[in-house]
């Protein structure tokens, strides 16, 4: 039996003291939620290594095989937004997380986000419930990238003469 792969990404090694250990904490809450509810999956998180090229390859490979992508956008880290864009281009099911105590997300992302506050036990319990609900009905996004990825681009000698080839 094949196990679904869920990819998790959150800012790691952030300089701000309020993010130290944040990735492991949130990852643990998500793992606990899935174990408590007996969901069969492999939760994957790529850690930073010394070889940036290998880390990048690991991220791409993990996103490629993931059936669900869970991203914490709380810190507005550009790497997380890159992974979000890559997952959207691949038309992956996505769950976006946002810490309630941090700056709000851009308007086009905030409406499809699980907000959380893990400073209290009640907040942690609510986070686990919200993540479980989101896993059962994740968002699929259509984007300009996913549209272009499905169609061939017509190549000509002039840049202003290139366009989408109609199916």
N, C-alpha and C. Protein backbone atom coordinates (compact mmCIF):
# COMPACT_ATOMS: atom_id res chain seq x y z
N UNK A 1 0.83 -1.18 0.00
CA UNK A 1 0.00 0.00 0.00
C UNK A 1 0.88 1.25 0.00
N UNK A 2 0.62 2.15 -0.91
CA UNK A 2 1.41 3.37 -1.04
C UNK A 2 0.94 4.41 -0.01
N UNK A 3 1.88 5.01 0.69
CA UNK A 3 1.57 6.03 1.67
C UNK A 3 1.65 7.40 1.02
N UNK A 4 0.64 8.24 1.26
CA UNK A 4 0.68 9.61 0.76
C UNK A 4 1.80 10.38 1.44
N UNK A 5 2.42 11.27 0.68
CA UNK A 5 3.47 12.13 1.22
C UNK A 5 2.90 13.52 1.40
N UNK A 6 3.07 14.07 2.59
CA UNK A 6 2.67 15.45 2.89
C UNK A 6 3.96 16.22 3.14
N UNK A 7 4.12 17.34 2.46
CA UNK A 7 5.33 18.16 2.59
C UNK A 7 5.02 19.32 3.53
N UNK A 8 5.90 19.57 4.48
CA UNK A 8 5.73 20.67 5.43
C UNK A 8 6.92 21.61 5.33
N UNK A 9 6.64 22.91 5.28
CA UNK A 9 7.71 23.91 5.25
C UNK A 9 7.35 25.08 6.15
N UNK A 10 8.31 25.52 6.90
CA UNK A 10 8.18 26.69 7.75
C UNK A 10 9.55 27.33 7.84
N UNK A 11 9.62 28.60 8.17
CA UNK A 11 10.93 29.24 8.30
C UNK A 11 11.79 28.50 9.34
N UNK A 12 13.03 28.24 8.98
CA UNK A 12 13.97 27.63 9.92
C UNK A 12 15.20 28.50 10.02
N UNK A 13 15.83 28.41 11.17
CA UNK A 13 17.03 29.21 11.45
C UNK A 13 16.77 30.71 11.33
N UNK A 14 15.59 31.13 11.72
CA UNK A 14 15.29 32.56 11.71
C UNK A 14 16.11 33.25 12.80
N UNK A 15 16.51 34.47 12.56
CA UNK A 15 17.28 35.23 13.55
C UNK A 15 16.42 35.71 14.70
N UNK A 16 15.16 35.99 14.43
CA UNK A 16 14.28 36.51 15.47
C UNK A 16 14.07 35.45 16.55
N UNK A 17 14.18 35.87 17.80
CA UNK A 17 14.07 34.91 18.90
C UNK A 17 12.70 34.26 18.96
N UNK A 18 11.67 34.94 18.44
CA UNK A 18 10.33 34.35 18.49
C UNK A 18 10.13 33.24 17.46
N UNK A 19 11.14 32.96 16.64
CA UNK A 19 11.04 31.87 15.68
C UNK A 19 11.97 30.71 16.00
N UNK A 20 12.85 30.84 16.97
CA UNK A 20 13.77 29.75 17.28
C UNK A 20 12.98 28.53 17.76
N UNK A 21 13.17 27.42 17.09
CA UNK A 21 12.46 26.19 17.44
C UNK A 21 11.03 26.13 16.94
N UNK A 22 10.58 27.19 16.27
CA UNK A 22 9.21 27.27 15.79
C UNK A 22 8.89 26.14 14.81
N UNK A 23 9.81 25.85 13.90
CA UNK A 23 9.56 24.82 12.89
C UNK A 23 9.32 23.46 13.53
N UNK A 24 10.12 23.10 14.51
CA UNK A 24 9.97 21.80 15.17
C UNK A 24 8.68 21.74 15.97
N UNK A 25 8.33 22.84 16.61
CA UNK A 25 7.11 22.90 17.41
C UNK A 25 5.87 22.68 16.55
N UNK A 26 5.74 23.45 15.47
CA UNK A 26 4.58 23.34 14.59
C UNK A 26 4.56 21.98 13.91
N UNK A 27 5.71 21.51 13.45
CA UNK A 27 5.81 20.18 12.84
C UNK A 27 5.31 19.11 13.82
N UNK A 28 5.71 19.22 15.07
CA UNK A 28 5.28 18.27 16.10
C UNK A 28 3.78 18.28 16.32
N UNK A 29 3.19 19.48 16.37
CA UNK A 29 1.73 19.57 16.54
C UNK A 29 1.00 18.91 15.37
N UNK A 30 1.50 19.13 14.17
CA UNK A 30 0.87 18.54 13.00
C UNK A 30 1.02 17.01 13.03
N UNK A 31 2.22 16.54 13.35
CA UNK A 31 2.43 15.09 13.46
C UNK A 31 1.51 14.49 14.51
N UNK A 32 1.43 15.12 15.68
CA UNK A 32 0.54 14.63 16.74
C UNK A 32 -0.90 14.52 16.26
N UNK A 33 -1.35 15.54 15.54
CA UNK A 33 -2.72 15.56 15.03
C UNK A 33 -2.97 14.39 14.10
N UNK A 34 -2.03 14.14 13.20
CA UNK A 34 -2.21 13.05 12.24
C UNK A 34 -2.14 11.68 12.93
N UNK A 35 -1.26 11.54 13.90
CA UNK A 35 -1.14 10.27 14.63
C UNK A 35 -2.39 10.02 15.46
N UNK A 36 -2.86 11.06 16.18
CA UNK A 36 -4.05 10.93 17.02
C UNK A 36 -5.28 10.54 16.19
N UNK A 37 -5.33 10.97 14.96
CA UNK A 37 -6.48 10.69 14.10
C UNK A 37 -6.22 9.56 13.12
N UNK A 38 -5.12 8.85 13.31
CA UNK A 38 -4.75 7.67 12.53
C UNK A 38 -4.82 7.91 11.03
N UNK A 39 -4.25 9.02 10.61
CA UNK A 39 -4.17 9.32 9.19
C UNK A 39 -2.88 8.71 8.65
N UNK A 40 -2.99 7.91 7.61
CA UNK A 40 -1.80 7.28 7.02
C UNK A 40 -1.11 8.23 6.06
N UNK A 41 0.12 8.55 6.32
CA UNK A 41 0.87 9.49 5.49
C UNK A 41 2.33 9.47 5.91
N UNK A 42 3.14 10.08 5.11
CA UNK A 42 4.53 10.34 5.47
C UNK A 42 4.69 11.85 5.47
N UNK A 43 4.93 12.45 6.62
CA UNK A 43 5.11 13.90 6.72
C UNK A 43 6.59 14.20 6.53
N UNK A 44 6.91 14.99 5.50
CA UNK A 44 8.29 15.27 5.12
C UNK A 44 8.61 16.73 5.37
N UNK A 45 9.76 16.97 5.97
CA UNK A 45 10.27 18.33 6.17
C UNK A 45 11.73 18.32 5.76
N UNK A 46 12.12 19.23 4.90
CA UNK A 46 13.51 19.31 4.45
C UNK A 46 14.24 20.30 5.35
N UNK A 47 15.29 19.83 6.00
CA UNK A 47 16.10 20.70 6.86
C UNK A 47 17.25 21.28 6.06
N UNK A 48 17.71 22.43 6.50
CA UNK A 48 18.84 23.06 5.83
C UNK A 48 20.09 22.23 6.04
N UNK A 49 20.79 22.00 4.97
CA UNK A 49 22.07 21.32 5.04
C UNK A 49 23.17 22.29 4.68
N UNK A 50 24.37 21.80 4.67
CA UNK A 50 25.49 22.67 4.31
C UNK A 50 25.56 22.87 2.80
N UNK A 51 25.00 21.94 2.04
CA UNK A 51 25.02 22.03 0.58
C UNK A 51 23.70 22.62 0.10
N UNK A 52 23.72 23.91 -0.26
CA UNK A 52 22.49 24.59 -0.65
C UNK A 52 21.88 23.99 -1.91
N UNK A 53 22.72 23.54 -2.84
CA UNK A 53 22.21 22.93 -4.07
C UNK A 53 21.44 21.65 -3.74
N UNK A 54 21.99 20.82 -2.85
CA UNK A 54 21.32 19.58 -2.47
C UNK A 54 20.02 19.87 -1.74
N UNK A 55 20.02 20.86 -0.85
CA UNK A 55 18.80 21.24 -0.14
C UNK A 55 17.72 21.65 -1.12
N UNK A 56 18.08 22.44 -2.10
CA UNK A 56 17.13 22.87 -3.12
C UNK A 56 16.58 21.68 -3.89
N UNK A 57 17.44 20.75 -4.26
CA UNK A 57 16.99 19.54 -4.96
C UNK A 57 16.06 18.71 -4.09
N UNK A 58 16.37 18.60 -2.79
CA UNK A 58 15.53 17.85 -1.86
C UNK A 58 14.14 18.48 -1.76
N UNK A 59 14.10 19.81 -1.71
CA UNK A 59 12.82 20.52 -1.63
C UNK A 59 11.99 20.25 -2.89
N UNK A 60 12.60 20.40 -4.05
CA UNK A 60 11.88 20.15 -5.31
C UNK A 60 11.38 18.71 -5.38
N UNK A 61 12.23 17.75 -5.03
CA UNK A 61 11.84 16.34 -5.09
C UNK A 61 10.69 16.05 -4.12
N UNK A 62 10.76 16.62 -2.93
CA UNK A 62 9.70 16.41 -1.94
C UNK A 62 8.38 17.03 -2.39
N UNK A 63 8.46 18.23 -2.94
CA UNK A 63 7.24 18.88 -3.45
C UNK A 63 6.66 18.11 -4.63
N UNK A 64 7.53 17.59 -5.49
CA UNK A 64 7.06 16.83 -6.66
C UNK A 64 6.23 15.61 -6.25
N UNK A 65 6.67 14.89 -5.21
CA UNK A 65 5.97 13.66 -4.85
C UNK A 65 4.89 13.87 -3.78
N UNK A 66 4.76 15.06 -3.24
CA UNK A 66 3.76 15.32 -2.20
C UNK A 66 2.35 15.39 -2.78
N UNK A 67 1.41 14.80 -2.06
CA UNK A 67 0.01 14.95 -2.45
C UNK A 67 -0.63 16.13 -1.73
N UNK A 68 0.00 16.59 -0.66
CA UNK A 68 -0.48 17.73 0.11
C UNK A 68 0.73 18.53 0.58
N UNK A 69 0.62 19.85 0.52
CA UNK A 69 1.70 20.74 0.94
C UNK A 69 1.17 21.64 2.05
N UNK A 70 1.87 21.67 3.19
CA UNK A 70 1.50 22.50 4.32
C UNK A 70 2.62 23.52 4.52
N UNK A 71 2.28 24.81 4.43
CA UNK A 71 3.27 25.88 4.50
C UNK A 71 2.91 26.88 5.57
N UNK A 72 3.88 27.24 6.41
CA UNK A 72 3.68 28.28 7.41
C UNK A 72 4.23 29.58 6.86
N UNK A 73 3.32 30.51 6.56
CA UNK A 73 3.69 31.78 5.94
C UNK A 73 3.89 32.90 6.96
N UNK A 74 3.97 32.57 8.24
CA UNK A 74 3.98 33.56 9.32
C UNK A 74 5.08 34.61 9.21
N UNK A 75 6.26 34.23 8.76
CA UNK A 75 7.38 35.17 8.80
C UNK A 75 7.59 35.93 7.49
N UNK A 76 6.79 35.65 6.48
CA UNK A 76 6.96 36.27 5.16
C UNK A 76 8.33 35.95 4.57
N UNK A 77 8.86 34.77 4.90
CA UNK A 77 10.15 34.31 4.40
C UNK A 77 10.05 34.06 2.89
N UNK A 78 10.92 34.66 2.09
CA UNK A 78 10.84 34.47 0.63
C UNK A 78 10.97 33.01 0.20
N UNK A 79 11.72 32.20 0.95
CA UNK A 79 11.86 30.79 0.58
C UNK A 79 10.52 30.06 0.67
N UNK A 80 9.74 30.39 1.68
CA UNK A 80 8.43 29.75 1.84
C UNK A 80 7.51 30.16 0.70
N UNK A 81 7.57 31.43 0.31
CA UNK A 81 6.74 31.89 -0.81
C UNK A 81 7.18 31.23 -2.12
N UNK A 82 8.46 30.97 -2.26
CA UNK A 82 8.95 30.23 -3.43
C UNK A 82 8.34 28.84 -3.46
N UNK A 83 8.38 28.15 -2.30
CA UNK A 83 7.81 26.81 -2.22
C UNK A 83 6.30 26.84 -2.47
N UNK A 84 5.63 27.88 -1.99
CA UNK A 84 4.19 28.05 -2.26
C UNK A 84 3.95 28.18 -3.76
N UNK A 85 4.72 29.02 -4.43
CA UNK A 85 4.57 29.20 -5.87
C UNK A 85 4.85 27.93 -6.64
N UNK A 86 5.87 27.20 -6.22
CA UNK A 86 6.22 25.94 -6.89
C UNK A 86 5.08 24.93 -6.72
N UNK A 87 4.54 24.85 -5.50
CA UNK A 87 3.43 23.93 -5.24
C UNK A 87 2.19 24.32 -6.04
N UNK A 88 1.93 25.62 -6.15
CA UNK A 88 0.78 26.08 -6.94
C UNK A 88 0.97 25.74 -8.41
N UNK A 89 2.17 25.92 -8.91
CA UNK A 89 2.44 25.60 -10.32
C UNK A 89 2.24 24.12 -10.60
N UNK A 90 2.50 23.28 -9.59
CA UNK A 90 2.30 21.84 -9.72
C UNK A 90 0.86 21.43 -9.43
N UNK A 91 0.01 22.40 -9.11
CA UNK A 91 -1.40 22.16 -8.76
C UNK A 91 -1.55 21.21 -7.57
N UNK A 92 -0.74 21.43 -6.57
CA UNK A 92 -0.81 20.62 -5.36
C UNK A 92 -1.93 21.12 -4.46
N UNK A 93 -2.46 20.22 -3.63
CA UNK A 93 -3.36 20.64 -2.57
C UNK A 93 -2.50 21.32 -1.51
N UNK A 94 -2.97 22.47 -1.03
CA UNK A 94 -2.14 23.30 -0.15
C UNK A 94 -2.92 23.71 1.08
N UNK A 95 -2.23 23.67 2.23
CA UNK A 95 -2.75 24.26 3.46
C UNK A 95 -1.76 25.33 3.88
N UNK A 96 -2.25 26.55 4.01
CA UNK A 96 -1.41 27.68 4.43
C UNK A 96 -1.67 27.95 5.90
N UNK A 97 -0.59 28.14 6.67
CA UNK A 97 -0.69 28.44 8.09
C UNK A 97 -0.22 29.87 8.33
N UNK A 98 -0.81 30.52 9.34
CA UNK A 98 -0.42 31.88 9.69
C UNK A 98 -0.60 32.07 11.19
N UNK A 99 0.46 32.46 11.89
CA UNK A 99 0.40 32.77 13.31
C UNK A 99 -0.39 34.06 13.49
N UNK A 100 -1.42 34.02 14.35
CA UNK A 100 -2.28 35.19 14.57
C UNK A 100 -1.53 36.38 15.15
N UNK A 101 -0.40 36.13 15.78
CA UNK A 101 0.36 37.19 16.45
C UNK A 101 1.35 37.89 15.53
N UNK A 102 1.37 37.53 14.26
CA UNK A 102 2.30 38.14 13.31
C UNK A 102 1.54 38.97 12.29
N UNK A 103 2.30 39.67 11.46
CA UNK A 103 1.70 40.52 10.43
C UNK A 103 0.76 39.71 9.55
N UNK A 104 -0.25 40.39 9.04
CA UNK A 104 -1.20 39.71 8.16
C UNK A 104 -0.54 39.38 6.82
N UNK A 105 -1.16 38.46 6.14
CA UNK A 105 -0.68 38.02 4.83
C UNK A 105 -1.18 38.96 3.74
N UNK A 106 -0.58 38.90 2.57
CA UNK A 106 -1.12 39.65 1.43
C UNK A 106 -2.58 39.27 1.20
N UNK A 107 -3.36 40.21 0.69
CA UNK A 107 -4.81 40.02 0.57
C UNK A 107 -5.21 38.78 -0.21
N UNK A 108 -4.42 38.38 -1.17
CA UNK A 108 -4.81 37.24 -2.00
C UNK A 108 -4.43 35.89 -1.38
N UNK A 109 -3.83 35.89 -0.19
CA UNK A 109 -3.49 34.65 0.49
C UNK A 109 -4.24 34.46 1.80
N UNK A 110 -4.63 35.53 2.44
CA UNK A 110 -5.20 35.47 3.78
C UNK A 110 -6.50 34.71 3.90
N UNK A 111 -7.30 34.68 2.87
CA UNK A 111 -8.61 34.03 2.96
C UNK A 111 -8.55 32.51 2.91
N UNK A 112 -7.45 31.95 2.59
CA UNK A 112 -7.32 30.49 2.49
C UNK A 112 -6.27 29.97 3.47
N UNK A 113 -6.30 30.50 4.67
CA UNK A 113 -5.24 30.22 5.63
C UNK A 113 -5.81 29.74 6.96
N UNK A 114 -5.12 28.78 7.58
CA UNK A 114 -5.42 28.35 8.94
C UNK A 114 -4.64 29.27 9.87
N UNK A 115 -5.35 30.08 10.65
CA UNK A 115 -4.69 30.96 11.62
C UNK A 115 -4.53 30.21 12.93
N UNK A 116 -3.44 30.50 13.63
CA UNK A 116 -3.21 29.79 14.88
C UNK A 116 -2.53 30.68 15.91
N UNK A 117 -2.70 30.28 17.18
CA UNK A 117 -2.02 30.90 18.31
C UNK A 117 -1.64 29.76 19.24
N UNK A 118 -0.37 29.43 19.29
CA UNK A 118 0.09 28.28 20.08
C UNK A 118 0.64 28.70 21.44
N UNK A 119 0.22 29.86 21.94
CA UNK A 119 0.71 30.33 23.24
C UNK A 119 -0.11 29.77 24.40
N UNK A 120 -1.25 29.14 24.11
CA UNK A 120 -2.08 28.54 25.16
C UNK A 120 -2.46 27.12 24.75
N UNK A 121 -2.84 26.30 25.73
CA UNK A 121 -3.29 24.94 25.43
C UNK A 121 -4.54 24.96 24.57
N UNK A 122 -5.44 25.92 24.84
CA UNK A 122 -6.66 26.04 24.04
C UNK A 122 -6.31 26.38 22.59
N UNK A 123 -5.34 27.25 22.42
CA UNK A 123 -4.90 27.62 21.08
C UNK A 123 -4.29 26.45 20.33
N UNK A 124 -3.51 25.64 21.03
CA UNK A 124 -2.91 24.45 20.42
C UNK A 124 -3.99 23.46 20.01
N UNK A 125 -4.96 23.24 20.90
CA UNK A 125 -6.07 22.32 20.58
C UNK A 125 -6.85 22.81 19.37
N UNK A 126 -7.11 24.11 19.31
CA UNK A 126 -7.85 24.67 18.18
C UNK A 126 -7.03 24.54 16.89
N UNK A 127 -5.74 24.77 16.98
CA UNK A 127 -4.86 24.61 15.82
C UNK A 127 -4.95 23.19 15.27
N UNK A 128 -4.87 22.21 16.15
CA UNK A 128 -4.94 20.81 15.71
C UNK A 128 -6.27 20.51 15.03
N UNK A 129 -7.37 21.02 15.59
CA UNK A 129 -8.69 20.82 14.98
C UNK A 129 -8.76 21.48 13.60
N UNK A 130 -8.25 22.69 13.51
CA UNK A 130 -8.29 23.42 12.24
C UNK A 130 -7.43 22.75 11.17
N UNK A 131 -6.26 22.25 11.58
CA UNK A 131 -5.39 21.56 10.62
C UNK A 131 -6.07 20.28 10.14
N UNK A 132 -6.67 19.53 11.05
CA UNK A 132 -7.36 18.30 10.66
C UNK A 132 -8.48 18.59 9.67
N UNK A 133 -9.25 19.63 9.95
CA UNK A 133 -10.34 20.02 9.03
C UNK A 133 -9.77 20.41 7.67
N UNK A 134 -8.68 21.15 7.66
CA UNK A 134 -8.06 21.59 6.40
C UNK A 134 -7.50 20.41 5.62
N UNK A 135 -6.95 19.42 6.32
CA UNK A 135 -6.40 18.24 5.64
C UNK A 135 -7.52 17.47 4.93
N UNK A 136 -8.68 17.47 5.54
CA UNK A 136 -9.81 16.74 4.95
C UNK A 136 -10.40 17.46 3.74
N UNK A 137 -10.14 18.76 3.62
CA UNK A 137 -10.62 19.51 2.44
C UNK A 137 -9.63 20.61 2.08
N UNK A 138 -8.44 20.23 1.58
CA UNK A 138 -7.42 21.23 1.24
C UNK A 138 -7.81 22.05 0.02
N UNK A 139 -7.16 23.19 -0.13
CA UNK A 139 -7.41 24.08 -1.26
C UNK A 139 -6.56 23.66 -2.46
N UNK A 140 -7.15 23.73 -3.63
CA UNK A 140 -6.41 23.59 -4.88
C UNK A 140 -6.49 24.92 -5.58
N UNK A 141 -5.38 25.42 -6.05
CA UNK A 141 -5.34 26.75 -6.63
C UNK A 141 -5.12 26.68 -8.13
N UNK A 142 -5.84 27.50 -8.86
CA UNK A 142 -5.54 27.72 -10.27
C UNK A 142 -4.80 29.04 -10.35
N UNK A 143 -3.71 29.03 -11.05
CA UNK A 143 -2.89 30.23 -11.17
C UNK A 143 -2.50 30.42 -12.62
N UNK A 144 -2.02 31.60 -12.97
CA UNK A 144 -1.51 31.77 -14.34
C UNK A 144 -0.41 30.76 -14.66
N UNK A 145 0.43 30.43 -13.68
CA UNK A 145 1.49 29.45 -13.92
C UNK A 145 0.92 28.09 -14.27
N UNK A 146 -0.11 27.66 -13.54
CA UNK A 146 -0.67 26.34 -13.83
C UNK A 146 -1.34 26.33 -15.19
N UNK A 147 -1.93 27.44 -15.61
CA UNK A 147 -2.53 27.54 -16.94
C UNK A 147 -1.45 27.37 -18.00
N UNK A 148 -0.36 28.11 -17.87
CA UNK A 148 0.71 28.05 -18.86
C UNK A 148 1.40 26.69 -18.86
N UNK A 149 1.47 26.05 -17.71
CA UNK A 149 2.13 24.75 -17.63
C UNK A 149 1.36 23.68 -18.41
N UNK A 150 0.07 23.90 -18.64
CA UNK A 150 -0.75 22.92 -19.36
C UNK A 150 -0.76 23.15 -20.86
N UNK A 151 -0.21 24.24 -21.33
CA UNK A 151 -0.25 24.56 -22.75
C UNK A 151 1.17 24.74 -23.28
N UNK A 152 1.32 24.45 -24.54
CA UNK A 152 2.61 24.67 -25.18
C UNK A 152 2.78 26.15 -25.49
N UNK A 153 3.98 26.63 -25.35
CA UNK A 153 4.28 28.01 -25.72
C UNK A 153 4.84 27.99 -27.13
N UNK A 154 4.28 28.82 -27.96
CA UNK A 154 4.73 28.90 -29.34
C UNK A 154 5.98 29.77 -29.38
N UNK A 155 7.04 29.25 -29.92
CA UNK A 155 8.31 29.97 -29.97
C UNK A 155 8.51 30.52 -31.38
N UNK A 156 8.81 31.79 -31.44
CA UNK A 156 9.13 32.40 -32.73
C UNK A 156 10.44 33.15 -32.56
N UNK A 157 10.91 33.75 -33.59
CA UNK A 157 12.15 34.50 -33.53
C UNK A 157 12.00 35.84 -32.82
N UNK A 158 10.78 36.29 -32.60
CA UNK A 158 10.55 37.61 -31.99
C UNK A 158 9.83 37.44 -30.66
N UNK A 159 10.31 38.09 -29.63
CA UNK A 159 9.72 37.98 -28.31
C UNK A 159 8.29 38.50 -28.28
N UNK A 160 7.98 39.54 -29.06
CA UNK A 160 6.63 40.10 -29.04
C UNK A 160 5.65 39.26 -29.85
N UNK A 161 6.13 38.21 -30.50
CA UNK A 161 5.30 37.37 -31.35
C UNK A 161 5.04 36.00 -30.70
N UNK A 162 5.47 35.80 -29.46
CA UNK A 162 5.29 34.51 -28.79
C UNK A 162 3.99 34.52 -28.00
N UNK A 163 3.37 33.38 -27.91
CA UNK A 163 2.13 33.30 -27.16
C UNK A 163 1.74 31.87 -26.87
N UNK A 164 0.56 31.72 -26.32
CA UNK A 164 0.04 30.41 -25.98
C UNK A 164 -0.56 29.75 -27.22
N UNK A 165 -0.27 28.48 -27.39
CA UNK A 165 -0.85 27.72 -28.49
C UNK A 165 -2.18 27.18 -28.01
N UNK A 166 -3.23 27.48 -28.72
CA UNK A 166 -4.55 27.00 -28.34
C UNK A 166 -4.61 25.48 -28.50
N UNK A 167 -5.25 24.79 -27.54
CA UNK A 167 -5.32 23.32 -27.63
C UNK A 167 -6.17 22.86 -28.80
